[in-house]
Protein backbone atom coordinates (compact mmCIF):
# COMPACT_ATOMS: atom_id res chain seq x y z
CA MET A 1 38.78 -37.27 6.04
CA TYR A 2 40.73 -38.06 7.19
CA CYS A 3 41.96 -35.86 8.05
CA ASN A 4 45.09 -37.79 7.91
CA ASN A 5 48.13 -40.14 8.41
CA ILE A 6 51.51 -41.82 7.22
CA GLY A 7 50.88 -44.79 5.01
CA LEU A 8 47.21 -45.31 6.19
CA GLN A 9 43.82 -45.37 5.12
CA ILE A 10 41.70 -43.53 7.80
CA ILE A 11 38.23 -43.83 6.38
CA THR A 12 36.13 -47.05 5.79
CA ILE A 13 32.56 -47.47 4.68
CA ARG A 14 31.13 -49.71 7.64
CA TYR A 15 30.24 -49.18 11.26
CA ASN A 16 33.61 -48.35 13.44
CA LYS A 17 35.60 -48.00 10.34
CA LEU A 18 34.54 -44.61 8.99
CA ASN A 19 37.50 -42.49 9.01
CA THR A 20 39.58 -39.21 8.95
CA PRO A 21 42.78 -37.53 8.48
CA VAL A 22 43.55 -37.91 8.90
CA GLU A 23 46.19 -39.06 7.23
CA GLN A 24 43.52 -37.66 8.62
CA TYR A 25 42.41 -35.85 6.93
CA GLU A 26 41.76 -36.04 6.12
CA CYS A 27 41.21 -35.85 7.16
CA MET A 28 37.15 -32.87 4.66
CA ASN A 29 34.28 -30.23 3.36
CA THR A 30 33.23 -26.31 3.12
CA LYS A 31 33.44 -22.48 4.02
CA HIS A 32 30.00 -21.09 2.96
CA LEU A 33 26.72 -22.33 4.36
CA LEU A 34 24.51 -23.26 1.15
CA ALA A 35 20.79 -22.53 1.16
CA ALA A 36 19.04 -25.68 2.05
CA ALA A 37 17.82 -26.49 -1.58
CA GLY A 38 21.30 -25.84 -3.00
CA LEU A 39 22.83 -28.03 -0.23
CA LEU A 40 20.70 -30.90 -1.07
CA VAL A 41 21.39 -30.72 -4.86
CA VAL A 42 25.02 -30.46 -4.06
CA CYS A 43 24.82 -33.52 -1.67
CA ALA A 44 22.77 -35.58 -4.21
CA ALA A 45 25.29 -34.81 -7.06
CA MET A 46 28.29 -35.85 -4.83
CA VAL A 47 26.28 -38.96 -3.52
CA PHE A 48 25.33 -40.19 -7.26
CA ALA A 49 28.98 -39.71 -8.27
CA ALA A 50 30.27 -41.60 -5.30
CA GLY A 51 27.62 -44.60 -5.45
CA CYS A 52 27.48 -45.48 -9.03
CA VAL A 53 29.98 -47.97 -9.94
CA THR A 54 29.86 -48.46 -13.90
CA THR A 55 32.10 -50.12 -16.51
CA PRO A 56 33.97 -47.71 -19.02
CA ASN A 57 32.22 -47.12 -21.92
CA ASP A 58 34.95 -46.87 -24.90
CA SER A 59 32.16 -46.91 -27.37
CA ASP A 60 30.88 -43.47 -27.01
CA LYS A 61 33.99 -42.08 -25.39
CA THR A 62 32.21 -40.47 -22.58
CA PRO A 63 35.07 -38.30 -20.50
CA THR A 64 35.62 -40.54 -17.36
CA VAL A 65 38.11 -41.14 -14.83
CA GLU A 66 38.63 -44.47 -13.34
CA ILE A 67 39.21 -44.44 -9.60
CA LEU A 68 41.65 -46.74 -7.75
CA TYR A 69 40.93 -47.09 -3.92
CA THR A 70 44.31 -47.66 -2.26
CA GLY A 71 46.54 -46.86 0.92
CA ALA A 72 48.19 -43.30 0.84
CA GLY A 73 51.59 -44.52 1.21
CA THR A 74 51.36 -46.73 -1.94
CA MET A 75 50.27 -43.81 -4.06
CA PRO A 76 53.56 -41.96 -4.59
CA ALA A 77 55.13 -45.16 -6.11
CA LEU A 78 52.27 -46.01 -7.93
CA LEU A 79 52.53 -42.75 -9.85
CA ALA A 80 56.21 -43.20 -10.30
CA THR A 81 55.76 -46.52 -11.99
CA GLY A 82 52.75 -45.41 -14.07
CA LYS A 83 50.23 -47.64 -12.61
CA ILE A 84 48.04 -44.64 -11.65
CA ASP A 85 47.85 -40.97 -13.64
CA GLY A 86 47.57 -39.16 -10.30
CA TYR A 87 45.96 -39.33 -6.76
CA ILE A 88 43.89 -37.31 -4.25
CA ILE A 89 45.23 -37.43 -0.79
CA TRP A 90 46.18 -35.65 2.47
CA GLN A 91 49.31 -34.06 3.04
CA PRO A 92 52.34 -34.85 3.48
CA PHE A 93 51.75 -37.28 0.42
CA VAL A 94 50.65 -34.51 -1.79
CA ALA A 95 54.27 -32.90 -1.13
CA VAL A 96 55.79 -36.38 -1.59
CA GLY A 97 54.91 -36.62 -4.87
CA VAL A 98 56.10 -33.13 -5.73
CA GLU A 99 59.26 -32.99 -4.07
CA GLY A 100 59.94 -36.83 -5.42
CA ASP A 101 59.80 -35.39 -9.23
CA VAL A 102 56.87 -37.71 -9.94
CA GLY A 103 53.84 -35.47 -9.62
CA LYS A 104 52.74 -31.80 -9.79
CA ILE A 105 49.75 -30.04 -8.08
CA VAL A 106 46.49 -30.05 -9.92
CA SER A 107 44.44 -28.44 -7.01
CA TYR A 108 44.52 -28.14 -3.20
CA SER A 109 41.45 -29.45 -1.83
CA GLN A 110 40.15 -26.07 -0.81
CA ASN A 111 40.23 -24.88 -4.58
CA LEU A 112 38.56 -27.77 -6.01
CA PRO A 113 35.17 -27.16 -7.72
CA PRO A 114 32.30 -26.29 -7.10
CA GLU A 115 33.77 -23.01 -6.62
CA GLY A 116 33.92 -21.83 -2.97
CA MET A 117 32.67 -25.10 -1.67
CA TRP A 118 35.78 -26.52 0.12
CA VAL A 119 37.39 -23.47 1.44
CA GLU A 120 38.27 -24.09 5.13
CA HIS A 121 36.66 -27.65 4.96
CA THR A 122 36.78 -29.83 7.91
CA CYS A 123 39.81 -32.32 8.62
CA CYS A 124 41.25 -33.09 12.11
CA ALA A 125 40.12 -32.32 15.62
CA PHE A 126 40.90 -32.84 19.20
CA GLY A 127 38.43 -34.99 21.35
CA ALA A 128 38.14 -36.83 24.57
CA ASN A 129 35.82 -39.22 26.00
CA SER A 130 33.35 -38.70 28.97
CA GLU A 131 35.95 -40.06 31.49
CA ALA A 132 38.31 -37.20 30.67
CA LEU A 133 35.64 -34.58 30.68
CA LYS A 134 34.79 -35.67 34.20
CA ASN A 135 37.84 -33.13 34.73
CA PRO A 136 37.00 -30.26 32.61
CA ASP A 137 39.97 -28.22 34.01
CA ILE A 138 42.63 -30.47 32.64
CA ALA A 139 40.75 -30.76 29.63
CA THR A 140 40.73 -27.01 29.24
CA SER A 141 44.17 -26.79 29.71
CA LEU A 142 45.05 -29.57 26.93
CA VAL A 143 42.85 -27.52 24.32
CA ALA A 144 44.73 -24.23 25.64
CA LEU A 145 48.13 -25.98 24.71
CA THR A 146 46.78 -26.95 21.38
CA ILE A 147 45.50 -23.42 20.58
CA LEU A 148 49.10 -22.37 21.55
CA GLY A 149 50.75 -25.16 19.35
CA ASN A 150 48.91 -23.78 16.41
CA LYS A 151 50.00 -20.43 17.02
CA TYR A 152 53.55 -21.61 17.09
CA ILE A 153 53.17 -23.33 13.67
CA ASN A 154 51.64 -20.13 12.29
CA ASP A 155 54.47 -17.82 13.70
CA TYR A 156 57.27 -20.24 12.91
CA PRO A 157 56.37 -22.54 9.89
CA ASP A 158 60.03 -23.50 8.95
CA LYS A 159 61.03 -24.50 12.47
CA SER A 160 57.63 -26.34 12.83
CA ALA A 161 58.29 -28.37 9.60
CA GLU A 162 61.74 -29.43 10.91
CA LEU A 163 60.11 -30.35 14.45
CA THR A 164 57.67 -32.36 12.61
CA ALA A 165 60.08 -34.29 10.46
CA ASP A 166 61.92 -35.11 13.56
CA TRP A 167 59.09 -36.46 15.21
CA LEU A 168 57.62 -38.44 12.28
CA PHE A 169 61.13 -39.42 10.72
CA SER A 170 63.77 -38.48 12.83
CA LYS A 171 64.77 -36.13 10.01
CA GLN A 172 65.67 -39.23 7.93
CA ASP A 173 64.69 -39.41 4.00
CA MET A 174 61.41 -40.94 3.20
CA THR A 175 61.19 -43.90 0.79
CA TYR A 176 58.40 -45.08 -1.19
CA GLY A 177 59.13 -47.50 -3.76
CA GLU A 178 61.89 -46.07 -5.87
CA ILE A 179 61.30 -42.64 -4.43
CA THR A 180 63.32 -41.02 -1.91
CA VAL A 181 62.91 -37.55 -0.33
CA ASN A 182 64.17 -35.37 2.21
CA SER A 183 61.67 -35.30 5.19
CA VAL A 184 62.59 -31.78 6.03
CA ASP A 185 62.08 -30.65 2.38
CA VAL A 186 58.73 -32.42 2.23
CA LEU A 187 57.49 -31.01 5.58
CA GLU A 188 58.75 -27.41 4.50
CA ALA A 189 56.39 -27.59 1.34
CA SER A 190 53.60 -29.49 3.35
CA ILE A 191 52.94 -27.28 6.55
CA PRO A 192 52.30 -24.12 4.61
CA THR A 193 49.40 -25.70 2.74
CA ILE A 194 47.54 -26.63 5.77
CA MET A 195 45.37 -24.42 7.88
CA PHE A 196 46.31 -24.67 11.56
CA SER A 197 43.46 -23.44 13.32
CA SER A 198 41.62 -24.21 16.58
CA LYS A 199 38.76 -21.73 16.38
CA VAL A 200 35.21 -22.90 16.18
CA THR A 201 33.74 -21.14 13.51
CA ASN A 202 30.32 -21.57 11.65
CA THR A 203 32.12 -22.55 8.61
CA TRP A 204 33.81 -25.46 10.32
CA LEU A 205 30.50 -26.35 11.87
CA ASP A 206 28.65 -26.42 8.61
CA SER A 207 31.41 -28.06 7.11
CA ASN A 208 30.93 -31.08 9.54
CA GLU A 209 27.15 -31.10 8.96
CA GLU A 210 27.30 -31.01 5.24
CA PHE A 211 29.62 -34.16 5.65
CA ILE A 212 27.14 -35.81 7.77
CA ASN A 213 24.56 -35.07 4.98
CA ALA A 214 26.54 -36.76 2.41
CA GLN A 215 27.67 -39.79 4.66
CA ARG A 216 23.70 -40.29 5.35
CA GLU A 217 23.22 -40.35 1.56
CA LEU A 218 25.75 -42.99 1.14
CA GLY A 219 24.27 -45.28 3.95
CA LEU A 220 27.32 -44.87 6.04
CA ILE A 221 25.44 -43.08 8.82
CA SER A 222 22.68 -45.04 10.28
CA GLY A 223 22.70 -44.41 14.15
CA LYS A 224 22.18 -41.58 16.36
CA LEU A 225 22.81 -39.09 13.74
CA LEU A 226 20.62 -40.50 10.77
CA SER A 227 17.83 -38.28 11.04
CA THR A 228 19.22 -35.27 13.55
CA THR A 229 18.69 -31.70 12.95
CA PRO A 230 22.03 -29.59 12.93
CA ALA A 231 21.26 -28.31 16.48
CA GLN A 232 20.58 -32.03 17.54
CA SER A 233 24.02 -33.25 15.76
CA LYS A 234 25.71 -30.28 17.47
CA ASP A 235 24.52 -31.49 20.76
CA LEU A 236 25.83 -34.92 20.16
CA LEU A 237 29.04 -34.25 18.47
CA TYR A 238 30.57 -31.55 20.46
CA ASP A 239 31.55 -30.14 24.14
CA PHE A 240 32.88 -26.84 23.46
CA GLY A 241 33.08 -26.02 27.49
CA PRO A 242 36.91 -26.59 27.38
CA TYR A 243 37.62 -24.51 24.16
CA GLU A 244 35.51 -21.58 25.55
CA SER A 245 37.46 -21.67 28.89
CA ALA A 246 40.87 -22.26 27.23
CA THR A 247 40.22 -19.04 24.87
CA GLN A 248 39.08 -17.08 27.81
CA GLN A 249 42.12 -17.97 29.66
CA ILE A 250 44.64 -17.54 26.66
CA ALA A 251 43.01 -13.87 26.24
CA SER A 252 43.55 -12.90 29.79
CA GLY A 253 47.18 -13.93 29.60
CA LYS A 254 47.36 -16.96 32.05
CA LEU A 255 45.98 -20.36 32.36
CA THR A 256 44.01 -21.47 35.37
CA THR A 257 46.24 -24.17 37.05
CA PRO A 258 43.99 -27.56 37.48
CA ALA A 259 44.33 -29.49 40.75
CA ALA A 260 47.07 -32.51 40.14
CA VAL A 261 46.14 -35.90 39.28
CA LYS A 262 48.04 -39.14 40.15
CA THR A 263 46.51 -41.25 37.29
CA PRO A 264 48.58 -40.73 33.89
CA ILE A 265 46.39 -39.10 31.00
CA SER A 266 46.86 -41.01 27.52
CA ILE A 267 46.48 -38.84 24.31
CA GLY A 268 46.19 -41.02 20.98
CA TYR A 269 47.53 -39.22 17.75
CA LEU A 270 48.21 -40.51 14.20
CA PRO A 271 51.63 -40.17 12.23
CA SER A 272 50.57 -37.33 10.30
CA ASP A 273 51.69 -33.66 9.88
CA HIS A 274 48.24 -32.77 10.23
CA ASP A 275 49.09 -33.51 13.98
CA ALA A 276 51.91 -31.12 14.01
CA PRO A 277 50.44 -29.00 16.82
CA LEU A 278 50.88 -31.69 19.24
CA PHE A 279 54.32 -32.40 18.04
CA VAL A 280 55.64 -28.73 18.23
CA LEU A 281 54.54 -28.70 21.84
CA LEU A 282 56.63 -31.61 22.97
CA LYS A 283 59.61 -30.91 20.57
CA ASP A 284 60.21 -27.50 21.72
CA TRP A 285 58.59 -27.63 24.99
CA GLN A 286 61.38 -25.01 26.13
CA TYR A 287 59.82 -22.50 24.22
CA PHE A 288 56.33 -22.77 25.61
CA LYS A 289 57.79 -22.94 29.27
CA ASP A 290 59.69 -19.60 28.55
CA THR A 291 56.74 -18.02 26.82
CA TYR A 292 53.73 -19.30 28.75
CA ASN A 293 55.21 -21.32 31.80
CA SER A 294 52.66 -24.07 30.82
CA TYR A 295 54.08 -26.93 28.56
CA LEU A 296 54.50 -30.51 27.95
CA LYS A 297 58.05 -31.66 28.82
CA PRO A 298 59.22 -34.98 27.39
CA THR A 299 60.61 -37.43 30.06
CA THR A 300 63.49 -37.98 27.91
CA ASP A 301 65.39 -35.91 25.51
CA LYS A 302 65.63 -37.82 21.98
CA ALA A 303 65.39 -37.64 18.55
CA GLY A 304 61.88 -39.04 17.02
CA LYS A 305 58.52 -39.60 18.73
CA VAL A 306 57.84 -38.78 22.23
CA SER A 307 55.90 -41.34 24.43
CA GLU A 308 55.95 -39.97 27.85
CA ALA A 309 55.86 -36.40 29.10
CA GLU A 310 54.80 -34.40 32.20
CA LEU A 311 52.00 -31.71 31.88
CA PHE A 312 52.95 -28.29 33.71
CA ILE A 313 50.52 -25.48 33.84
CA ASN A 314 52.05 -22.24 35.31
CA GLY A 315 55.07 -24.17 36.63
CA GLU A 316 53.38 -26.66 38.23
CA LYS A 317 53.05 -30.45 37.54
CA ILE A 318 49.44 -31.57 36.98
CA ALA A 319 49.97 -34.81 35.43
CA ASP A 320 52.26 -37.69 33.74
CA VAL A 321 51.04 -38.08 30.12
CA LYS A 322 51.69 -40.87 27.77
CA PHE A 323 50.97 -40.75 23.99
CA VAL A 324 49.89 -43.38 21.85
CA GLU A 325 50.49 -43.56 18.15
CA GLY A 326 47.52 -44.95 16.37
CA THR A 327 47.17 -46.85 13.17
CA GLY A 328 43.94 -45.02 11.94
CA GLY A 329 40.89 -42.97 13.22
CA PRO A 330 38.73 -45.71 13.88
CA GLN A 331 41.30 -47.81 16.00
CA LEU A 332 41.62 -44.31 18.30
CA MET A 333 37.85 -44.09 18.48
CA THR A 334 37.99 -47.85 20.02
CA LEU A 335 40.78 -46.91 22.23
CA LEU A 336 38.90 -43.78 23.48
CA ALA A 337 35.57 -45.89 23.78
CA GLN A 338 37.51 -48.35 25.99
CA ASN A 339 38.97 -45.64 27.94
CA THR A 340 42.71 -46.76 26.98
CA ILE A 341 43.28 -43.41 25.89
CA GLN A 342 41.25 -40.36 27.20
CA TYR A 343 42.10 -37.67 24.29
CA ALA A 344 42.96 -38.00 20.51
CA VAL A 345 43.84 -35.99 17.71
CA ALA A 346 42.00 -37.61 14.73
CA GLY A 347 39.79 -36.85 11.61
CA THR A 348 36.34 -35.49 12.25
CA PRO A 349 34.93 -38.20 10.20
CA PRO A 350 35.97 -41.03 12.57
CA TYR A 351 34.53 -39.12 15.42
CA ILE A 352 31.17 -38.64 13.55
CA SER A 353 31.12 -42.39 12.76
CA ALA A 354 31.86 -43.54 16.64
CA ILE A 355 29.36 -40.95 18.04
CA ASP A 356 26.87 -42.13 15.44
CA MET A 357 27.28 -45.76 16.55
CA SER A 358 27.87 -45.47 20.34
CA THR A 359 26.14 -47.86 22.46
CA GLY A 360 28.58 -48.11 25.39
CA ASN A 361 28.88 -46.24 28.69
CA VAL A 362 31.69 -44.36 27.49
CA GLY A 363 30.94 -41.57 25.46
CA LEU A 364 33.04 -39.33 22.92
CA LYS A 365 33.13 -35.57 22.19
CA ILE A 366 34.82 -33.24 19.66
CA LEU A 367 36.59 -30.55 21.75
CA ALA A 368 37.67 -28.12 18.82
CA PRO A 369 39.35 -28.54 15.54
CA ILE A 370 43.12 -28.81 15.25
CA MET A 371 43.38 -28.11 11.60
CA GLN A 372 41.47 -27.63 8.26
CA GLU A 373 41.86 -28.28 4.48
CA GLY A 374 45.40 -30.11 3.97
CA SER A 375 44.70 -32.31 0.95
CA GLY A 376 45.25 -31.99 -2.74
CA LEU A 377 44.91 -33.44 -6.38
CA VAL A 378 48.36 -34.67 -7.82
CA ALA A 379 48.84 -35.56 -11.62
CA SER A 380 51.71 -37.19 -13.20
CA ILE A 381 54.82 -34.93 -13.63
CA ASN A 382 54.46 -35.67 -17.39
CA SER A 383 50.97 -34.93 -17.94
CA PRO A 384 49.43 -31.69 -19.17
CA ALA A 385 47.28 -31.03 -16.09
CA ASP A 386 49.13 -27.97 -14.62
CA ASP A 387 45.76 -27.03 -13.17
CA TRP A 388 42.09 -27.80 -12.96
CA GLN A 389 40.94 -26.75 -16.26
CA LEU A 390 43.78 -28.44 -18.07
CA PHE A 391 43.14 -31.48 -16.09
CA VAL A 392 39.47 -31.69 -17.27
CA LYS A 393 40.90 -31.24 -20.93
CA TRP A 394 43.23 -34.11 -20.30
CA VAL A 395 40.66 -36.33 -18.94
CA LYS A 396 38.58 -35.48 -21.89
CA ASP A 397 41.27 -36.20 -24.38
CA ARG A 398 42.51 -39.28 -22.83
CA SER A 399 38.66 -40.74 -22.95
CA ALA A 400 38.40 -39.66 -26.55
CA GLU A 401 41.40 -41.79 -27.26
CA GLY A 402 39.90 -44.83 -25.11
CA ASN A 403 42.58 -44.52 -22.59
CA ASN A 404 40.85 -43.15 -19.67
CA VAL A 405 42.75 -41.29 -16.57
CA VAL A 406 43.22 -43.26 -13.54
CA ILE A 407 43.19 -41.44 -10.15
CA ALA A 408 44.00 -43.05 -6.99
CA ASP A 409 41.85 -42.38 -3.93
CA PRO A 410 41.81 -43.32 -0.11
CA GLN A 411 38.50 -44.92 0.48
CA LEU A 412 35.08 -44.48 -0.92
CA GLY A 413 33.13 -42.06 1.24
CA SER A 414 36.36 -40.16 2.73
CA ILE A 415 36.16 -36.32 2.33
CA GLN A 416 38.80 -36.70 -0.62
CA ASP A 417 36.50 -39.01 -2.03
CA VAL A 418 33.68 -36.87 -2.18
CA GLN A 419 35.71 -33.52 -3.11
CA LEU A 420 37.17 -35.41 -6.24
CA LYS A 421 33.84 -36.69 -7.34
CA ALA A 422 31.88 -33.36 -6.77
CA ALA A 423 34.56 -31.47 -8.84
CA LEU A 424 34.45 -34.21 -11.53
CA LYS A 425 30.76 -34.08 -11.69
CA ASP A 426 30.66 -30.30 -11.79
CA ALA A 427 32.98 -31.07 -14.89
CA GLY A 428 30.57 -33.39 -16.38
CA ILE A 429 33.07 -36.20 -16.12
CA THR A 430 31.90 -39.78 -15.33
CA VAL A 431 33.47 -41.83 -12.35
CA VAL A 432 33.93 -45.66 -12.40
CA THR A 433 35.76 -47.76 -10.25
CA LYS A 434 38.86 -49.52 -11.34
CA LYS A 435 39.02 -53.00 -10.39
C-alpha cells in the first residue's frame, strides 16, 4: 500500500512480504461500501487486470499500457531519462516528479476511476504486538499522541512539511539521478495531498475489507483471513480499545497518566511523509508540552532523525522510547513478531499479510489509521496527459501508433497496482507486464 517509504518497495507477493505504505502506502482502497454483487464485480475486474500477463499485440493496436515494476526511488530518474512515460506511487514521490519538472499530475489516487471508489482509501496505520497490549494504558497514550500529531498537521501544514523535511532529509536537497529538488518544497507540495486522520470509520474498515477481497482473488492471502467474514476479519485485525479510550480522554481535555515502566518501548516507522504525525510529535515536542503537557521529548536536540526520546504524560515521565527506522512494511512486521519493537507505523497491507500468516506466540493488531489516500499517477511533463481523460486518449493514440505507454508501478498486488489496473479496466485499456 503501502502505504509508503523513501526509495523502497513495501508490498511483495509472497508470505511475509506483502506490503504498504507505505512508502506505504502506500501505503490503499475505497470510501463507499458497495453492494455485495457490485463489489464482487469490481474485485473480479481488478484481479483479472492484475493477474493477466500478455504480450503487446501491435497487429490490432489494442489500447494497452505496459507496466514496469520497480522501486519508488527509481521512478523519477526513469521518467527523466525517458525510460518510462509515467508512474503511480505514494507521496512524496508524486511531488518529486512535479517539483523536479519531469512530471505532472494525471490524478491523485482518490480520484481515479471507477468514480468514487478510492475516496479515503486505506493506507498507513499505527499498530502493536500482543506484548505491548498487555499495558493498554501506555498503548492508549501513544494512540492519543498520534491523534494529536494528526491534528497538528491539519492545523499547521506548512510547519509540518518543514519538520518532516528536517526528519527525512535534514532539510537538504533530494537527488534522484539527475533530478535535484528542495526537500522542503517537495514536502510542502506533498503534505496537503495526504489525508491525515486517525478516525476509525466504516469507510476505512470497508476499504481494508475490499483490499482483503482483492488479495484473496490474487492468491496473496491464504491463511487466517482466507475465508473470514467481515466480522471475523475485524476480530483478527484490530484492537480498538486504546483508540476508544484515547478519543474519550482527548474529548475530556486530559489524558490519563499510566504507571511508569522501566523497560524501554520501541516504535518502528518508515522514512516517508506518511509517517509525519510521528515526526511532528518529536520535532516540535515543546508545542505538545505547552499545549497538552503530554509529549515525546528527544534525548538530544539535533537536526534529522530522532532515535531516542522520553514519553511524558501530564508532565510525568512514563517511559524511555526508542525509534527504529525500517526498510519496509514486512520487515517491521517481523520485528513486531519478534518483539524487537512493540509498536509500528506501517501500511495496512503488511499488517494484513502478517496477521493472515501469523503462527507464533506474539500476535499483531492494528490500533488505528494514521492517514489515508496519499498516492498519485504522474505522467511525463512532455505528454498531453493533463488529466485522466487526456491520459486515456494518449494511451489509445500511442497504442494505435504501435508504441504503448509504459507506466512504473511499485509491485504486483500493491494498492497502487490494484488502483491503476482497475482504472485502466474501466477505460477499456489492456494491461501487460513489461519485461
